[in-house]
């Protein structure tokens, strides 16, 4: 039996677009990609490879369409299929950031999550 090659199995050319969704009243968008017919015994290996190697995508081309920008991994799931195979569903979000700049004037978007005044580290001007 041939050895499982996660990089080849999870090649973006083989991905199918399961869902392209907006997220509520914000500008956030998500893409859910699916790779099908992965041998059931290799499902966790495929998930681990994706988690280690595909936390972001830059302007991915999926099914002949390019989704510009940086897309960040937000969910990764092995889903049972019929018989002896599984699929891997990987959801990416556009617009999520991984670090916060200390200068609020450079922020492109902010959301109020609590109604209280805060002092950001590095912000010497205070909240005005």
C-alpha atoms as a PDB file:
ATOM      1  CA  UNK A   1       0.000   0.000   0.000  1.00  0.00           C
ATOM      2  CA  UNK A   2       1.337   3.454  -0.919  1.00  0.00           C
ATOM      3  CA  UNK A   3       2.327   5.804   1.890  1.00  0.00           C
ATOM      4  CA  UNK A   4      -0.109   8.636   2.566  1.00  0.00           C
ATOM      5  CA  UNK A   5       1.134  12.007   1.268  1.00  0.00           C
ATOM      6  CA  UNK A   6      -0.845  14.737   3.078  1.00  0.00           C
ATOM      7  CA  UNK A   7       0.710  17.577   1.059  1.00  0.00           C
ATOM      8  CA  UNK A   8      -0.435  16.010  -2.202  1.00  0.00           C
ATOM      9  CA  UNK A   9      -3.832  14.905  -0.856  1.00  0.00           C
ATOM     10  CA  UNK A  10      -4.575  18.403   0.503  1.00  0.00           C
ATOM     11  CA  UNK A  11      -3.324  20.302  -2.521  1.00  0.00           C
ATOM     12  CA  UNK A  12      -5.431  23.435  -3.044  1.00  0.00           C
ATOM     13  CA  UNK A  13      -6.128  22.360  -6.647  1.00  0.00           C
ATOM     14  CA  UNK A  14      -8.056  19.414  -5.185  1.00  0.00           C
ATOM     15  CA  UNK A  15     -10.134  21.509  -2.763  1.00  0.00           C
ATOM     16  CA  UNK A  16     -13.814  22.088  -3.324  1.00  0.00           C
ATOM     17  CA  UNK A  17     -15.535  25.213  -2.086  1.00  0.00           C
ATOM     18  CA  UNK A  18     -18.176  24.076   0.414  1.00  0.00           C
ATOM     19  CA  UNK A  19     -19.249  27.530   1.596  1.00  0.00           C
ATOM     20  CA  UNK A  20     -18.473  31.217   0.964  1.00  0.00           C
ATOM     21  CA  UNK A  21     -20.289  33.081   3.727  1.00  0.00           C
ATOM     22  CA  UNK A  22     -20.641  36.565   5.133  1.00  0.00           C
ATOM     23  CA  UNK A  23     -20.644  36.832   8.898  1.00  0.00           C
ATOM     24  CA  UNK A  24     -23.450  38.971  10.253  1.00  0.00           C
ATOM     25  CA  UNK A  25     -23.341  42.736  10.010  1.00  0.00           C
ATOM     26  CA  UNK A  26     -19.550  42.934   9.809  1.00  0.00           C
ATOM     27  CA  UNK A  27     -17.261  42.876   6.798  1.00  0.00           C
ATOM     28  CA  UNK A  28     -15.987  39.410   7.748  1.00  0.00           C
ATOM     29  CA  UNK A  29     -16.177  36.628   5.186  1.00  0.00           C
ATOM     30  CA  UNK A  30     -15.320  32.949   5.492  1.00  0.00           C
ATOM     31  CA  UNK A  31     -14.467  30.185   3.045  1.00  0.00           C
ATOM     32  CA  UNK A  32     -14.947  26.520   3.872  1.00  0.00           C
ATOM     33  CA  UNK A  33     -12.844  24.206   1.738  1.00  0.00           C
ATOM     34  CA  UNK A  34     -13.320  20.457   1.648  1.00  0.00           C
ATOM     35  CA  UNK A  35     -11.109  17.585   0.565  1.00  0.00           C
ATOM     36  CA  UNK A  36     -13.002  14.323   0.173  1.00  0.00           C
ATOM     37  CA  UNK A  37     -12.183  10.612   0.036  1.00  0.00           C
ATOM     38  CA  UNK A  38      -9.318  10.634   2.518  1.00  0.00           C
ATOM     39  CA  UNK A  39      -8.742   7.122   3.909  1.00  0.00           C
ATOM     40  CA  UNK A  40     -10.289   6.963   7.383  1.00  0.00           C
ATOM     41  CA  UNK A  41      -7.007   5.802   8.927  1.00  0.00           C
ATOM     42  CA  UNK A  42      -5.298   8.948   7.562  1.00  0.00           C
ATOM     43  CA  UNK A  43      -7.899  11.521   8.665  1.00  0.00           C
ATOM     44  CA  UNK A  44      -6.060  12.680  11.777  1.00  0.00           C
ATOM     45  CA  UNK A  45      -2.746  12.782   9.920  1.00  0.00           C
ATOM     46  CA  UNK A  46      -4.360  15.015   7.279  1.00  0.00           C
ATOM     47  CA  UNK A  47      -5.810  17.280   9.989  1.00  0.00           C
ATOM     48  CA  UNK A  48      -2.450  17.514  11.769  1.00  0.00           C
ATOM     49  CA  UNK A  49      -0.678  18.351   8.492  1.00  0.00           C
ATOM     50  CA  UNK A  50      -3.189  21.107   7.696  1.00  0.00           C
ATOM     51  CA  UNK A  51      -2.882  22.511  11.215  1.00  0.00           C
ATOM     52  CA  UNK A  52       0.922  22.590  10.928  1.00  0.00           C
ATOM     53  CA  UNK A  53       1.189  23.809   7.338  1.00  0.00           C
ATOM     54  CA  UNK A  54      -1.886  25.790   6.426  1.00  0.00           C
ATOM     55  CA  UNK A  55      -2.790  28.354   9.097  1.00  0.00           C
ATOM     56  CA  UNK A  56      -3.012  31.109   6.484  1.00  0.00           C
ATOM     57  CA  UNK A  57      -3.671  31.327   2.766  1.00  0.00           C
ATOM     58  CA  UNK A  58      -2.631  34.266   0.617  1.00  0.00           C
ATOM     59  CA  UNK A  59      -4.922  34.963  -2.340  1.00  0.00           C
ATOM     60  CA  UNK A  60      -5.912  31.312  -2.816  1.00  0.00           C
ATOM     61  CA  UNK A  61      -7.319  30.139  -6.131  1.00  0.00           C
ATOM     62  CA  UNK A  62     -10.179  27.713  -5.536  1.00  0.00           C
ATOM     63  CA  UNK A  63     -12.186  26.244  -8.412  1.00  0.00           C
ATOM     64  CA  UNK A  64     -10.757  28.806 -10.875  1.00  0.00           C
ATOM     65  CA  UNK A  65     -11.579  31.839  -8.708  1.00  0.00           C
ATOM     66  CA  UNK A  66      -9.021  33.880  -6.757  1.00  0.00           C
ATOM     67  CA  UNK A  67      -9.976  35.107  -3.291  1.00  0.00           C
ATOM     68  CA  UNK A  68      -7.598  38.009  -2.734  1.00  0.00           C
ATOM     69  CA  UNK A  69      -6.051  38.832   0.606  1.00  0.00           C
ATOM     70  CA  UNK A  70      -4.868  36.872   3.601  1.00  0.00           C
ATOM     71  CA  UNK A  71      -7.218  34.196   4.925  1.00  0.00           C
ATOM     72  CA  UNK A  72      -6.658  32.742   8.403  1.00  0.00           C
ATOM     73  CA  UNK A  73      -7.617  29.295   9.622  1.00  0.00           C
ATOM     74  CA  UNK A  74     -10.502  29.348  12.107  1.00  0.00           C
ATOM     75  CA  UNK A  75     -11.826  25.762  12.030  1.00  0.00           C
ATOM     76  CA  UNK A  76     -10.490  22.394  10.960  1.00  0.00           C
ATOM     77  CA  UNK A  77     -12.655  19.287  11.094  1.00  0.00           C
ATOM     78  CA  UNK A  78     -12.441  15.650  10.016  1.00  0.00           C
ATOM     79  CA  UNK A  79     -15.919  14.571   8.878  1.00  0.00           C
ATOM     80  CA  UNK A  80     -16.920  10.904   8.425  1.00  0.00           C
ATOM     81  CA  UNK A  81     -18.147   9.891   4.970  1.00  0.00           C
ATOM     82  CA  UNK A  82     -19.738   6.650   3.892  1.00  0.00           C
ATOM     83  CA  UNK A  83     -17.538   3.590   3.768  1.00  0.00           C
ATOM     84  CA  UNK A  84     -13.896   3.833   4.746  1.00  0.00           C
ATOM     85  CA  UNK A  85     -13.205   7.477   4.002  1.00  0.00           C
ATOM     86  CA  UNK A  86     -13.434  10.893   5.638  1.00  0.00           C
ATOM     87  CA  UNK A  87     -13.373  14.453   4.402  1.00  0.00           C
ATOM     88  CA  UNK A  88     -11.405  17.352   5.804  1.00  0.00           C
ATOM     89  CA  UNK A  89     -13.273  20.642   6.108  1.00  0.00           C
ATOM     90  CA  UNK A  90     -11.075  23.689   6.654  1.00  0.00           C
ATOM     91  CA  UNK A  91     -12.643  27.107   7.251  1.00  0.00           C
ATOM     92  CA  UNK A  92     -10.681  30.298   6.672  1.00  0.00           C
ATOM     93  CA  UNK A  93     -11.737  33.832   7.597  1.00  0.00           C
ATOM     94  CA  UNK A  94     -10.823  37.025   5.777  1.00  0.00           C
ATOM     95  CA  UNK A  95     -10.054  40.082   7.826  1.00  0.00           C
ATOM     96  CA  UNK A  96      -9.093  38.443  11.109  1.00  0.00           C
ATOM     97  CA  UNK A  97      -5.897  39.871  12.555  1.00  0.00           C
ATOM     98  CA  UNK A  98      -3.217  38.088  14.556  1.00  0.00           C
ATOM     99  CA  UNK A  99      -1.559  41.082  16.235  1.00  0.00           C
ATOM    100  CA  UNK A 100      -2.748  44.487  17.380  1.00  0.00           C
ATOM    101  CA  UNK A 101      -0.745  47.597  16.554  1.00  0.00           C
ATOM    102  CA  UNK A 102       0.032  49.818  19.543  1.00  0.00           C
ATOM    103  CA  UNK A 103      -0.899  52.945  17.586  1.00  0.00           C
ATOM    104  CA  UNK A 104      -4.725  53.111  17.392  1.00  0.00           C
ATOM    105  CA  UNK A 105      -4.527  55.529  14.447  1.00  0.00           C
ATOM    106  CA  UNK A 106      -3.333  52.629  12.263  1.00  0.00           C
ATOM    107  CA  UNK A 107      -6.244  50.351  13.137  1.00  0.00           C
ATOM    108  CA  UNK A 108      -8.453  49.491  10.173  1.00  0.00           C
ATOM    109  CA  UNK A 109     -11.294  48.117  12.270  1.00  0.00           C
ATOM    110  CA  UNK A 110     -12.256  47.903  15.929  1.00  0.00           C
ATOM    111  CA  UNK A 111     -15.169  46.351  17.775  1.00  0.00           C
ATOM    112  CA  UNK A 112     -16.466  47.188  21.207  1.00  0.00           C
ATOM    113  CA  UNK A 113     -16.788  43.990  23.197  1.00  0.00           C
ATOM    114  CA  UNK A 114     -17.364  45.563  26.615  1.00  0.00           C
ATOM    115  CA  UNK A 115     -18.743  48.931  27.595  1.00  0.00           C
ATOM    116  CA  UNK A 116     -15.846  50.199  29.683  1.00  0.00           C
ATOM    117  CA  UNK A 117     -12.893  52.552  29.299  1.00  0.00           C
ATOM    118  CA  UNK A 118      -9.550  50.846  28.775  1.00  0.00           C
ATOM    119  CA  UNK A 119      -5.969  52.011  28.607  1.00  0.00           C
ATOM    120  CA  UNK A 120      -4.070  50.227  25.853  1.00  0.00           C
ATOM    121  CA  UNK A 121      -0.419  49.410  26.487  1.00  0.00           C
ATOM    122  CA  UNK A 122       1.643  51.974  24.598  1.00  0.00           C
ATOM    123  CA  UNK A 123      -1.217  54.476  24.365  1.00  0.00           C
ATOM    124  CA  UNK A 124       0.075  57.480  26.310  1.00  0.00           C
ATOM    125  CA  UNK A 125      -2.692  59.795  25.078  1.00  0.00           C
ATOM    126  CA  UNK A 126      -5.473  57.947  26.874  1.00  0.00           C
ATOM    127  CA  UNK A 127      -8.974  57.301  25.616  1.00  0.00           C
ATOM    128  CA  UNK A 128     -10.544  60.456  24.255  1.00  0.00           C
END
